[in-house]
């Protein structure tokens, strides 16, 4: 550990100080991020979940795409691969984010996606930065 740039104590460079109280505004950061993301999703025609407010659903003809937000991770999926590709393109055009690939684990549960079948869904994860 080292002292952060601009906050060095030149008399005690060998010390690192523990913060007793969170800096003002940091607790609001996630709320503002969620509000920004929520507004963006609703502007694209997504509906926010009635029970789970971090779930967004968009219906396009007979297809749907789901996006689940968890802090700075987004899990999204659809039976229609084109909707997933459009989602990635749209999100990367608006936010700086990286694709984490196919979803394999979620809250400690292993997810196995089937390649074939009438109910196969493509689930992916993305991380904003």
C-alpha atoms as a PDB file:
ATOM      1  CA  UNK A   1       0.000   0.000   0.000  1.00  0.00           C
ATOM      2  CA  UNK A   2       1.094   3.534  -0.582  1.00  0.00           C
ATOM      3  CA  UNK A   3      -0.264   6.993  -0.001  1.00  0.00           C
ATOM      4  CA  UNK A   4      -2.469   8.211  -2.855  1.00  0.00           C
ATOM      5  CA  UNK A   5      -1.005  10.859  -5.184  1.00  0.00           C
ATOM      6  CA  UNK A   6      -1.756  14.352  -3.952  1.00  0.00           C
ATOM      7  CA  UNK A   7      -2.321  13.144  -0.375  1.00  0.00           C
ATOM      8  CA  UNK A   8       1.234  12.223   0.589  1.00  0.00           C
ATOM      9  CA  UNK A   9       2.445  12.969   4.103  1.00  0.00           C
ATOM     10  CA  UNK A  10       6.081  13.793   3.364  1.00  0.00           C
ATOM     11  CA  UNK A  11       7.002  13.572   7.065  1.00  0.00           C
ATOM     12  CA  UNK A  12       5.639  10.003   7.272  1.00  0.00           C
ATOM     13  CA  UNK A  13       5.983   8.382   3.833  1.00  0.00           C
ATOM     14  CA  UNK A  14       6.081   4.935   5.447  1.00  0.00           C
ATOM     15  CA  UNK A  15       2.514   5.312   6.799  1.00  0.00           C
ATOM     16  CA  UNK A  16      -0.840   4.668   5.176  1.00  0.00           C
ATOM     17  CA  UNK A  17      -3.899   6.089   6.890  1.00  0.00           C
ATOM     18  CA  UNK A  18      -7.150   4.230   7.396  1.00  0.00           C
ATOM     19  CA  UNK A  19     -10.267   6.196   6.508  1.00  0.00           C
ATOM     20  CA  UNK A  20     -12.736   6.394   9.407  1.00  0.00           C
ATOM     21  CA  UNK A  21     -15.746   7.587   7.410  1.00  0.00           C
ATOM     22  CA  UNK A  22     -16.751   7.263   3.766  1.00  0.00           C
ATOM     23  CA  UNK A  23     -16.241  10.343   1.661  1.00  0.00           C
ATOM     24  CA  UNK A  24     -19.399  12.297   0.883  1.00  0.00           C
ATOM     25  CA  UNK A  25     -21.113  11.219  -2.314  1.00  0.00           C
ATOM     26  CA  UNK A  26     -19.563   7.796  -2.743  1.00  0.00           C
ATOM     27  CA  UNK A  27     -22.680   6.055  -1.471  1.00  0.00           C
ATOM     28  CA  UNK A  28     -24.668   7.833  -4.190  1.00  0.00           C
ATOM     29  CA  UNK A  29     -22.462   6.680  -7.070  1.00  0.00           C
ATOM     30  CA  UNK A  30     -24.229   3.360  -7.657  1.00  0.00           C
ATOM     31  CA  UNK A  31     -27.630   5.005  -7.444  1.00  0.00           C
ATOM     32  CA  UNK A  32     -26.624   7.571 -10.088  1.00  0.00           C
ATOM     33  CA  UNK A  33     -25.150   4.850 -12.314  1.00  0.00           C
ATOM     34  CA  UNK A  34     -28.345   2.807 -12.064  1.00  0.00           C
ATOM     35  CA  UNK A  35     -30.477   5.894 -12.815  1.00  0.00           C
ATOM     36  CA  UNK A  36     -28.389   6.674 -15.916  1.00  0.00           C
ATOM     37  CA  UNK A  37     -28.569   3.081 -17.125  1.00  0.00           C
ATOM     38  CA  UNK A  38     -32.294   2.813 -16.349  1.00  0.00           C
ATOM     39  CA  UNK A  39     -33.062   5.987 -18.313  1.00  0.00           C
ATOM     40  CA  UNK A  40     -31.034   4.684 -21.247  1.00  0.00           C
ATOM     41  CA  UNK A  41     -32.855   1.336 -21.254  1.00  0.00           C
ATOM     42  CA  UNK A  42     -36.302   2.926 -21.051  1.00  0.00           C
ATOM     43  CA  UNK A  43     -35.407   5.304 -23.898  1.00  0.00           C
ATOM     44  CA  UNK A  44     -34.748   2.192 -26.024  1.00  0.00           C
ATOM     45  CA  UNK A  45     -38.146   0.700 -25.224  1.00  0.00           C
ATOM     46  CA  UNK A  46     -37.194  -1.596 -22.349  1.00  0.00           C
ATOM     47  CA  UNK A  47     -39.644  -2.014 -19.502  1.00  0.00           C
ATOM     48  CA  UNK A  48     -38.388  -2.180 -15.943  1.00  0.00           C
ATOM     49  CA  UNK A  49     -39.465  -5.232 -13.969  1.00  0.00           C
ATOM     50  CA  UNK A  50     -42.365  -4.717 -11.589  1.00  0.00           C
ATOM     51  CA  UNK A  51     -40.936  -6.950  -8.861  1.00  0.00           C
ATOM     52  CA  UNK A  52     -37.219  -6.781  -9.662  1.00  0.00           C
ATOM     53  CA  UNK A  53     -36.370  -3.196 -10.639  1.00  0.00           C
ATOM     54  CA  UNK A  54     -32.965  -4.271 -11.958  1.00  0.00           C
ATOM     55  CA  UNK A  55     -34.496  -6.472 -14.672  1.00  0.00           C
ATOM     56  CA  UNK A  56     -35.255  -4.845 -18.032  1.00  0.00           C
ATOM     57  CA  UNK A  57     -37.325  -6.512 -20.755  1.00  0.00           C
ATOM     58  CA  UNK A  58     -37.819  -5.448 -24.355  1.00  0.00           C
ATOM     59  CA  UNK A  59     -40.332  -7.178 -26.615  1.00  0.00           C
ATOM     60  CA  UNK A  60     -39.754  -7.016 -30.353  1.00  0.00           C
ATOM     61  CA  UNK A  61     -42.409  -8.820 -32.390  1.00  0.00           C
ATOM     62  CA  UNK A  62     -42.384 -12.384 -31.006  1.00  0.00           C
ATOM     63  CA  UNK A  63     -38.910 -12.103 -29.444  1.00  0.00           C
ATOM     64  CA  UNK A  64     -37.744 -10.666 -26.150  1.00  0.00           C
ATOM     65  CA  UNK A  65     -34.383  -9.600 -24.784  1.00  0.00           C
ATOM     66  CA  UNK A  66     -33.691  -9.528 -21.059  1.00  0.00           C
ATOM     67  CA  UNK A  67     -31.052  -7.453 -19.280  1.00  0.00           C
ATOM     68  CA  UNK A  68     -30.337  -7.978 -15.583  1.00  0.00           C
ATOM     69  CA  UNK A  69     -28.214  -5.314 -13.875  1.00  0.00           C
ATOM     70  CA  UNK A  70     -26.091  -6.187 -10.855  1.00  0.00           C
ATOM     71  CA  UNK A  71     -23.894  -3.300  -9.659  1.00  0.00           C
ATOM     72  CA  UNK A  72     -21.623  -2.817 -12.707  1.00  0.00           C
ATOM     73  CA  UNK A  73     -22.354  -6.156 -14.381  1.00  0.00           C
ATOM     74  CA  UNK A  74     -25.095  -6.780 -16.912  1.00  0.00           C
ATOM     75  CA  UNK A  75     -26.369 -10.236 -17.768  1.00  0.00           C
ATOM     76  CA  UNK A  76     -28.386 -10.237 -20.967  1.00  0.00           C
ATOM     77  CA  UNK A  77     -29.903 -12.835 -23.183  1.00  0.00           C
ATOM     78  CA  UNK A  78     -32.406 -13.709 -25.854  1.00  0.00           C
ATOM     79  CA  UNK A  79     -33.366 -16.665 -27.997  1.00  0.00           C
ATOM     80  CA  UNK A  80     -32.672 -14.375 -30.965  1.00  0.00           C
ATOM     81  CA  UNK A  81     -28.872 -14.004 -31.384  1.00  0.00           C
ATOM     82  CA  UNK A  82     -29.350 -10.857 -33.486  1.00  0.00           C
ATOM     83  CA  UNK A  83     -30.993  -9.117 -30.520  1.00  0.00           C
ATOM     84  CA  UNK A  84     -27.949  -9.976 -28.398  1.00  0.00           C
ATOM     85  CA  UNK A  85     -25.594  -8.592 -31.043  1.00  0.00           C
ATOM     86  CA  UNK A  86     -27.673  -5.410 -31.344  1.00  0.00           C
ATOM     87  CA  UNK A  87     -27.633  -5.056 -27.557  1.00  0.00           C
ATOM     88  CA  UNK A  88     -23.827  -5.264 -27.464  1.00  0.00           C
ATOM     89  CA  UNK A  89     -23.455  -2.763 -30.311  1.00  0.00           C
ATOM     90  CA  UNK A  90     -25.893  -0.304 -28.698  1.00  0.00           C
ATOM     91  CA  UNK A  91     -24.361  -0.577 -25.230  1.00  0.00           C
ATOM     92  CA  UNK A  92     -20.781  -0.211 -26.459  1.00  0.00           C
ATOM     93  CA  UNK A  93     -21.853   2.853 -28.437  1.00  0.00           C
ATOM     94  CA  UNK A  94     -23.176   4.500 -25.267  1.00  0.00           C
ATOM     95  CA  UNK A  95     -20.925   3.154 -22.477  1.00  0.00           C
ATOM     96  CA  UNK A  96     -17.370   1.991 -22.062  1.00  0.00           C
ATOM     97  CA  UNK A  97     -17.800  -1.707 -21.418  1.00  0.00           C
ATOM     98  CA  UNK A  98     -16.164  -5.030 -22.090  1.00  0.00           C
ATOM     99  CA  UNK A  99     -17.732  -8.337 -22.963  1.00  0.00           C
ATOM    100  CA  UNK A 100     -17.029 -11.068 -20.451  1.00  0.00           C
ATOM    101  CA  UNK A 101     -18.381 -13.793 -22.744  1.00  0.00           C
ATOM    102  CA  UNK A 102     -20.950 -16.502 -22.251  1.00  0.00           C
ATOM    103  CA  UNK A 103     -22.474 -16.789 -18.786  1.00  0.00           C
ATOM    104  CA  UNK A 104     -21.058 -19.769 -16.885  1.00  0.00           C
ATOM    105  CA  UNK A 105     -21.614 -18.862 -13.231  1.00  0.00           C
ATOM    106  CA  UNK A 106     -24.204 -16.685 -11.509  1.00  0.00           C
ATOM    107  CA  UNK A 107     -24.279 -16.160  -7.727  1.00  0.00           C
ATOM    108  CA  UNK A 108     -22.319 -19.355  -7.178  1.00  0.00           C
ATOM    109  CA  UNK A 109     -24.520 -21.434  -9.486  1.00  0.00           C
ATOM    110  CA  UNK A 110     -23.094 -23.027 -12.587  1.00  0.00           C
ATOM    111  CA  UNK A 111     -25.049 -22.238 -15.756  1.00  0.00           C
ATOM    112  CA  UNK A 112     -24.987 -24.746 -18.622  1.00  0.00           C
ATOM    113  CA  UNK A 113     -26.321 -23.417 -21.896  1.00  0.00           C
ATOM    114  CA  UNK A 114     -27.625 -25.881 -24.438  1.00  0.00           C
ATOM    115  CA  UNK A 115     -26.731 -25.322 -28.083  1.00  0.00           C
ATOM    116  CA  UNK A 116     -29.940 -26.798 -29.470  1.00  0.00           C
ATOM    117  CA  UNK A 117     -33.539 -26.948 -28.443  1.00  0.00           C
ATOM    118  CA  UNK A 118     -36.645 -24.795 -28.547  1.00  0.00           C
ATOM    119  CA  UNK A 119     -35.814 -23.112 -25.246  1.00  0.00           C
ATOM    120  CA  UNK A 120     -32.098 -22.468 -25.731  1.00  0.00           C
ATOM    121  CA  UNK A 121     -31.283 -18.936 -24.648  1.00  0.00           C
ATOM    122  CA  UNK A 122     -27.998 -17.114 -25.277  1.00  0.00           C
ATOM    123  CA  UNK A 123     -26.903 -15.572 -21.983  1.00  0.00           C
ATOM    124  CA  UNK A 124     -23.935 -13.217 -21.923  1.00  0.00           C
ATOM    125  CA  UNK A 125     -22.254 -10.942 -19.429  1.00  0.00           C
ATOM    126  CA  UNK A 126     -20.813  -7.492 -19.819  1.00  0.00           C
ATOM    127  CA  UNK A 127     -18.914  -5.283 -17.388  1.00  0.00           C
ATOM    128  CA  UNK A 128     -18.983  -1.531 -17.445  1.00  0.00           C
ATOM    129  CA  UNK A 129     -15.865   0.362 -16.571  1.00  0.00           C
END
